[in-house]
């Protein structure tokens, strides 16, 4: 199974490169990322979080019973937000920043252009929870973490908590 890297790993700050080959290697990575995302109870994961600096991410919003179905997974390659409006504040967490959650302000409605696992061009309109997940994961591809969006005070509190957690 792939390993999720965690903050402050410098790889998380790397800007991911576009995917150019839509081959079996990519398909295998996407499938492995899905397994890791489910195992870690995530709703999204980007390739950089498993040390692969390519513009690929997955999102799978749970159903009403909290179950994530393979057929509902969105495999997003080379995404670009082409429209955004509205505002939503959402409590976010991150597989790469375990056990930390904070309210983050995002656009409540977005349109994303992307490619699927076969390289076909697609578009999706997302709002609320799905829009937040998209923005969170696309930020990863650009070397941005949700903690970067915290106020200075909340960021200092986070860093202090992180230091205390890693003391022996």
C-alpha atoms as a PDB file:
ATOM      1  CA  UNK A   1       0.000   0.000   0.000  1.00  0.00           C
ATOM      2  CA  UNK A   2       1.138   3.538  -0.732  1.00  0.00           C
ATOM      3  CA  UNK A   3       2.223   5.675   2.200  1.00  0.00           C
ATOM      4  CA  UNK A   4       0.707   9.100   2.871  1.00  0.00           C
ATOM      5  CA  UNK A   5       3.379  11.711   3.593  1.00  0.00           C
ATOM      6  CA  UNK A   6       2.655  14.207   6.356  1.00  0.00           C
ATOM      7  CA  UNK A   7       3.451  17.806   7.184  1.00  0.00           C
ATOM      8  CA  UNK A   8       6.173  19.165   7.343  1.00  0.00           C
ATOM      9  CA  UNK A   9       7.495  16.891   4.554  1.00  0.00           C
ATOM     10  CA  UNK A  10       8.928  19.326   1.937  1.00  0.00           C
ATOM     11  CA  UNK A  11       7.437  17.297  -0.932  1.00  0.00           C
ATOM     12  CA  UNK A  12       4.025  18.691   0.086  1.00  0.00           C
ATOM     13  CA  UNK A  13       5.265  22.141  -1.010  1.00  0.00           C
ATOM     14  CA  UNK A  14       6.235  20.959  -4.497  1.00  0.00           C
ATOM     15  CA  UNK A  15       4.136  22.042  -7.477  1.00  0.00           C
ATOM     16  CA  UNK A  16       2.986  18.927  -9.296  1.00  0.00           C
ATOM     17  CA  UNK A  17       3.658  18.515 -13.001  1.00  0.00           C
ATOM     18  CA  UNK A  18       0.949  17.832 -15.614  1.00  0.00           C
ATOM     19  CA  UNK A  19       0.144  14.244 -16.513  1.00  0.00           C
ATOM     20  CA  UNK A  20       1.054  13.486 -20.127  1.00  0.00           C
ATOM     21  CA  UNK A  21       0.817   9.689 -20.252  1.00  0.00           C
ATOM     22  CA  UNK A  22      -2.577   8.113 -19.569  1.00  0.00           C
ATOM     23  CA  UNK A  23      -1.329   4.547 -19.315  1.00  0.00           C
ATOM     24  CA  UNK A  24      -1.502   1.452 -17.118  1.00  0.00           C
ATOM     25  CA  UNK A  25       1.021   2.988 -14.709  1.00  0.00           C
ATOM     26  CA  UNK A  26      -1.326   5.949 -14.122  1.00  0.00           C
ATOM     27  CA  UNK A  27      -4.330   3.637 -13.780  1.00  0.00           C
ATOM     28  CA  UNK A  28      -2.482   1.541 -11.202  1.00  0.00           C
ATOM     29  CA  UNK A  29      -1.547   4.645  -9.231  1.00  0.00           C
ATOM     30  CA  UNK A  30      -5.161   5.895  -9.246  1.00  0.00           C
ATOM     31  CA  UNK A  31      -6.402   2.501  -8.018  1.00  0.00           C
ATOM     32  CA  UNK A  32      -3.744   2.402  -5.276  1.00  0.00           C
ATOM     33  CA  UNK A  33      -4.603   5.978  -4.246  1.00  0.00           C
ATOM     34  CA  UNK A  34      -8.264   4.954  -3.887  1.00  0.00           C
ATOM     35  CA  UNK A  35      -7.301   2.080  -1.565  1.00  0.00           C
ATOM     36  CA  UNK A  36      -5.158   4.383   0.595  1.00  0.00           C
ATOM     37  CA  UNK A  37      -7.857   7.073   0.719  1.00  0.00           C
ATOM     38  CA  UNK A  38     -10.416   4.535   1.974  1.00  0.00           C
ATOM     39  CA  UNK A  39      -7.987   2.970   4.447  1.00  0.00           C
ATOM     40  CA  UNK A  40      -7.242   6.424   5.911  1.00  0.00           C
ATOM     41  CA  UNK A  41     -10.929   7.504   5.933  1.00  0.00           C
ATOM     42  CA  UNK A  42     -10.317  10.370   3.509  1.00  0.00           C
ATOM     43  CA  UNK A  43     -12.772  11.888   1.039  1.00  0.00           C
ATOM     44  CA  UNK A  44      -9.967  13.070  -1.239  1.00  0.00           C
ATOM     45  CA  UNK A  45      -6.318  12.438  -1.968  1.00  0.00           C
ATOM     46  CA  UNK A  46      -3.807  13.951  -4.346  1.00  0.00           C
ATOM     47  CA  UNK A  47      -0.890  12.128  -5.928  1.00  0.00           C
ATOM     48  CA  UNK A  48       1.640  14.380  -4.167  1.00  0.00           C
ATOM     49  CA  UNK A  49       0.348  13.029  -0.830  1.00  0.00           C
ATOM     50  CA  UNK A  50       1.710   9.619  -1.832  1.00  0.00           C
ATOM     51  CA  UNK A  51       5.011  11.140  -3.055  1.00  0.00           C
ATOM     52  CA  UNK A  52       4.000  11.303  -6.733  1.00  0.00           C
ATOM     53  CA  UNK A  53       4.328  14.935  -7.938  1.00  0.00           C
ATOM     54  CA  UNK A  54       1.781  14.700 -10.769  1.00  0.00           C
ATOM     55  CA  UNK A  55      -1.485  16.604 -11.254  1.00  0.00           C
ATOM     56  CA  UNK A  56      -3.827  13.777 -10.283  1.00  0.00           C
ATOM     57  CA  UNK A  57      -6.365  13.547  -7.472  1.00  0.00           C
ATOM     58  CA  UNK A  58      -9.328  11.520  -6.314  1.00  0.00           C
ATOM     59  CA  UNK A  59     -12.506  12.587  -4.548  1.00  0.00           C
ATOM     60  CA  UNK A  60     -15.169  10.238  -3.215  1.00  0.00           C
ATOM     61  CA  UNK A  61     -17.904  11.837  -1.130  1.00  0.00           C
ATOM     62  CA  UNK A  62     -19.620   9.309   1.177  1.00  0.00           C
ATOM     63  CA  UNK A  63     -23.321   8.515   0.704  1.00  0.00           C
ATOM     64  CA  UNK A  64     -26.003   9.170   3.355  1.00  0.00           C
ATOM     65  CA  UNK A  65     -24.835   6.104   5.315  1.00  0.00           C
ATOM     66  CA  UNK A  66     -21.229   7.321   5.245  1.00  0.00           C
ATOM     67  CA  UNK A  67     -20.145   4.663   2.733  1.00  0.00           C
ATOM     68  CA  UNK A  68     -17.792   5.447  -0.163  1.00  0.00           C
ATOM     69  CA  UNK A  69     -18.453   3.485  -3.345  1.00  0.00           C
ATOM     70  CA  UNK A  70     -15.774   2.802  -5.981  1.00  0.00           C
ATOM     71  CA  UNK A  71     -18.256   3.709  -8.731  1.00  0.00           C
ATOM     72  CA  UNK A  72     -18.692   7.192  -7.194  1.00  0.00           C
ATOM     73  CA  UNK A  73     -14.991   8.087  -7.189  1.00  0.00           C
ATOM     74  CA  UNK A  74     -13.991  11.103  -9.254  1.00  0.00           C
ATOM     75  CA  UNK A  75     -10.589  10.624 -10.886  1.00  0.00           C
ATOM     76  CA  UNK A  76      -9.352  14.090 -11.761  1.00  0.00           C
ATOM     77  CA  UNK A  77      -6.259  14.596 -13.905  1.00  0.00           C
ATOM     78  CA  UNK A  78      -4.762  18.019 -14.762  1.00  0.00           C
ATOM     79  CA  UNK A  79      -7.615  19.978 -13.115  1.00  0.00           C
ATOM     80  CA  UNK A  80      -8.175  23.680 -13.600  1.00  0.00           C
ATOM     81  CA  UNK A  81     -10.830  25.753 -11.836  1.00  0.00           C
ATOM     82  CA  UNK A  82     -12.427  27.783 -14.629  1.00  0.00           C
ATOM     83  CA  UNK A  83     -15.257  29.427 -12.669  1.00  0.00           C
ATOM     84  CA  UNK A  84     -15.835  30.169  -9.010  1.00  0.00           C
ATOM     85  CA  UNK A  85     -18.287  32.159  -6.929  1.00  0.00           C
ATOM     86  CA  UNK A  86     -20.003  32.260  -3.569  1.00  0.00           C
ATOM     87  CA  UNK A  87     -18.450  31.592  -0.221  1.00  0.00           C
ATOM     88  CA  UNK A  88     -18.587  28.739   2.257  1.00  0.00           C
ATOM     89  CA  UNK A  89     -16.807  28.103   5.562  1.00  0.00           C
ATOM     90  CA  UNK A  90     -16.141  24.423   6.090  1.00  0.00           C
ATOM     91  CA  UNK A  91     -14.320  22.430   8.759  1.00  0.00           C
ATOM     92  CA  UNK A  92     -11.444  20.789   6.891  1.00  0.00           C
ATOM     93  CA  UNK A  93      -8.981  18.092   7.785  1.00  0.00           C
ATOM     94  CA  UNK A  94      -6.218  16.492   5.742  1.00  0.00           C
ATOM     95  CA  UNK A  95      -4.576  13.081   5.495  1.00  0.00           C
ATOM     96  CA  UNK A  96      -1.220  14.883   5.421  1.00  0.00           C
ATOM     97  CA  UNK A  97      -2.053  16.938   8.539  1.00  0.00           C
ATOM     98  CA  UNK A  98      -3.556  14.207  10.725  1.00  0.00           C
ATOM     99  CA  UNK A  99      -5.825  14.932  13.685  1.00  0.00           C
ATOM    100  CA  UNK A 100      -6.151  18.656  12.941  1.00  0.00           C
ATOM    101  CA  UNK A 101      -9.365  20.320  11.757  1.00  0.00           C
ATOM    102  CA  UNK A 102     -10.143  23.963  11.219  1.00  0.00           C
ATOM    103  CA  UNK A 103     -12.744  26.156   9.522  1.00  0.00           C
ATOM    104  CA  UNK A 104     -11.525  27.323   6.104  1.00  0.00           C
ATOM    105  CA  UNK A 105     -13.178  29.822   3.750  1.00  0.00           C
ATOM    106  CA  UNK A 106     -13.588  28.623   0.139  1.00  0.00           C
ATOM    107  CA  UNK A 107     -15.715  29.294  -2.932  1.00  0.00           C
ATOM    108  CA  UNK A 108     -19.087  27.544  -2.589  1.00  0.00           C
ATOM    109  CA  UNK A 109     -19.587  26.967  -6.326  1.00  0.00           C
ATOM    110  CA  UNK A 110     -16.901  26.064  -8.876  1.00  0.00           C
ATOM    111  CA  UNK A 111     -16.538  24.641 -12.364  1.00  0.00           C
ATOM    112  CA  UNK A 112     -13.516  22.450 -13.045  1.00  0.00           C
ATOM    113  CA  UNK A 113     -12.049  21.394 -16.389  1.00  0.00           C
ATOM    114  CA  UNK A 114     -10.004  18.195 -16.193  1.00  0.00           C
ATOM    115  CA  UNK A 115      -9.112  14.940 -17.894  1.00  0.00           C
ATOM    116  CA  UNK A 116     -10.213  11.464 -16.860  1.00  0.00           C
ATOM    117  CA  UNK A 117      -7.913   8.428 -16.553  1.00  0.00           C
ATOM    118  CA  UNK A 118      -8.032   7.966 -20.339  1.00  0.00           C
ATOM    119  CA  UNK A 119      -7.093  11.582 -21.123  1.00  0.00           C
ATOM    120  CA  UNK A 120     -10.593  12.594 -22.224  1.00  0.00           C
ATOM    121  CA  UNK A 121     -11.498  16.224 -21.519  1.00  0.00           C
ATOM    122  CA  UNK A 122     -14.303  16.700 -18.987  1.00  0.00           C
ATOM    123  CA  UNK A 123     -15.973  19.416 -16.935  1.00  0.00           C
ATOM    124  CA  UNK A 124     -17.796  19.250 -13.642  1.00  0.00           C
ATOM    125  CA  UNK A 125     -19.755  21.775 -11.630  1.00  0.00           C
ATOM    126  CA  UNK A 126     -19.334  21.351  -7.887  1.00  0.00           C
ATOM    127  CA  UNK A 127     -20.903  23.091  -4.943  1.00  0.00           C
ATOM    128  CA  UNK A 128     -20.605  23.080  -1.170  1.00  0.00           C
ATOM    129  CA  UNK A 129     -18.882  19.923   0.188  1.00  0.00           C
ATOM    130  CA  UNK A 130     -17.735  18.721  -3.246  1.00  0.00           C
ATOM    131  CA  UNK A 131     -16.476  22.215  -4.167  1.00  0.00           C
ATOM    132  CA  UNK A 132     -14.499  22.361  -0.916  1.00  0.00           C
ATOM    133  CA  UNK A 133     -12.963  18.926  -1.592  1.00  0.00           C
ATOM    134  CA  UNK A 134     -11.953  19.987  -5.107  1.00  0.00           C
ATOM    135  CA  UNK A 135     -10.318  23.205  -3.919  1.00  0.00           C
ATOM    136  CA  UNK A 136      -8.518  21.418  -1.070  1.00  0.00           C
ATOM    137  CA  UNK A 137      -7.073  18.754  -3.403  1.00  0.00           C
ATOM    138  CA  UNK A 138      -6.200  21.176  -6.219  1.00  0.00           C
ATOM    139  CA  UNK A 139      -4.343  23.284  -3.639  1.00  0.00           C
ATOM    140  CA  UNK A 140      -2.203  20.200  -2.907  1.00  0.00           C
ATOM    141  CA  UNK A 141      -1.187  20.075  -6.574  1.00  0.00           C
ATOM    142  CA  UNK A 142       0.048  23.656  -6.202  1.00  0.00           C
ATOM    143  CA  UNK A 143       2.028  23.031  -3.001  1.00  0.00           C
ATOM    144  CA  UNK A 144      -0.611  24.658  -0.771  1.00  0.00           C
ATOM    145  CA  UNK A 145      -1.976  23.104   2.429  1.00  0.00           C
ATOM    146  CA  UNK A 146      -5.205  24.081   4.159  1.00  0.00           C
ATOM    147  CA  UNK A 147      -3.183  25.242   7.171  1.00  0.00           C
ATOM    148  CA  UNK A 148      -1.713  27.953   4.907  1.00  0.00           C
ATOM    149  CA  UNK A 149      -5.168  29.544   4.892  1.00  0.00           C
ATOM    150  CA  UNK A 150      -5.308  29.920   8.680  1.00  0.00           C
ATOM    151  CA  UNK A 151      -5.061  33.256  10.415  1.00  0.00           C
ATOM    152  CA  UNK A 152      -1.656  34.003  11.954  1.00  0.00           C
ATOM    153  CA  UNK A 153      -3.038  33.269  15.427  1.00  0.00           C
ATOM    154  CA  UNK A 154      -4.537  29.897  14.431  1.00  0.00           C
ATOM    155  CA  UNK A 155      -1.385  28.989  12.504  1.00  0.00           C
ATOM    156  CA  UNK A 156       0.793  29.682  15.573  1.00  0.00           C
ATOM    157  CA  UNK A 157      -1.558  27.548  17.698  1.00  0.00           C
ATOM    158  CA  UNK A 158      -1.288  24.725  15.121  1.00  0.00           C
ATOM    159  CA  UNK A 159       2.544  24.914  15.013  1.00  0.00           C
ATOM    160  CA  UNK A 160       2.729  24.944  18.830  1.00  0.00           C
ATOM    161  CA  UNK A 161       0.468  21.867  19.008  1.00  0.00           C
ATOM    162  CA  UNK A 162       2.571  20.105  16.399  1.00  0.00           C
ATOM    163  CA  UNK A 163       5.785  20.749  18.354  1.00  0.00           C
ATOM    164  CA  UNK A 164       4.214  19.443  21.568  1.00  0.00           C
ATOM    165  CA  UNK A 165       2.947  16.355  19.785  1.00  0.00           C
ATOM    166  CA  UNK A 166       6.446  15.495  18.525  1.00  0.00           C
ATOM    167  CA  UNK A 167       8.191  15.944  21.889  1.00  0.00           C
ATOM    168  CA  UNK A 168       9.155  12.722  23.600  1.00  0.00           C
END
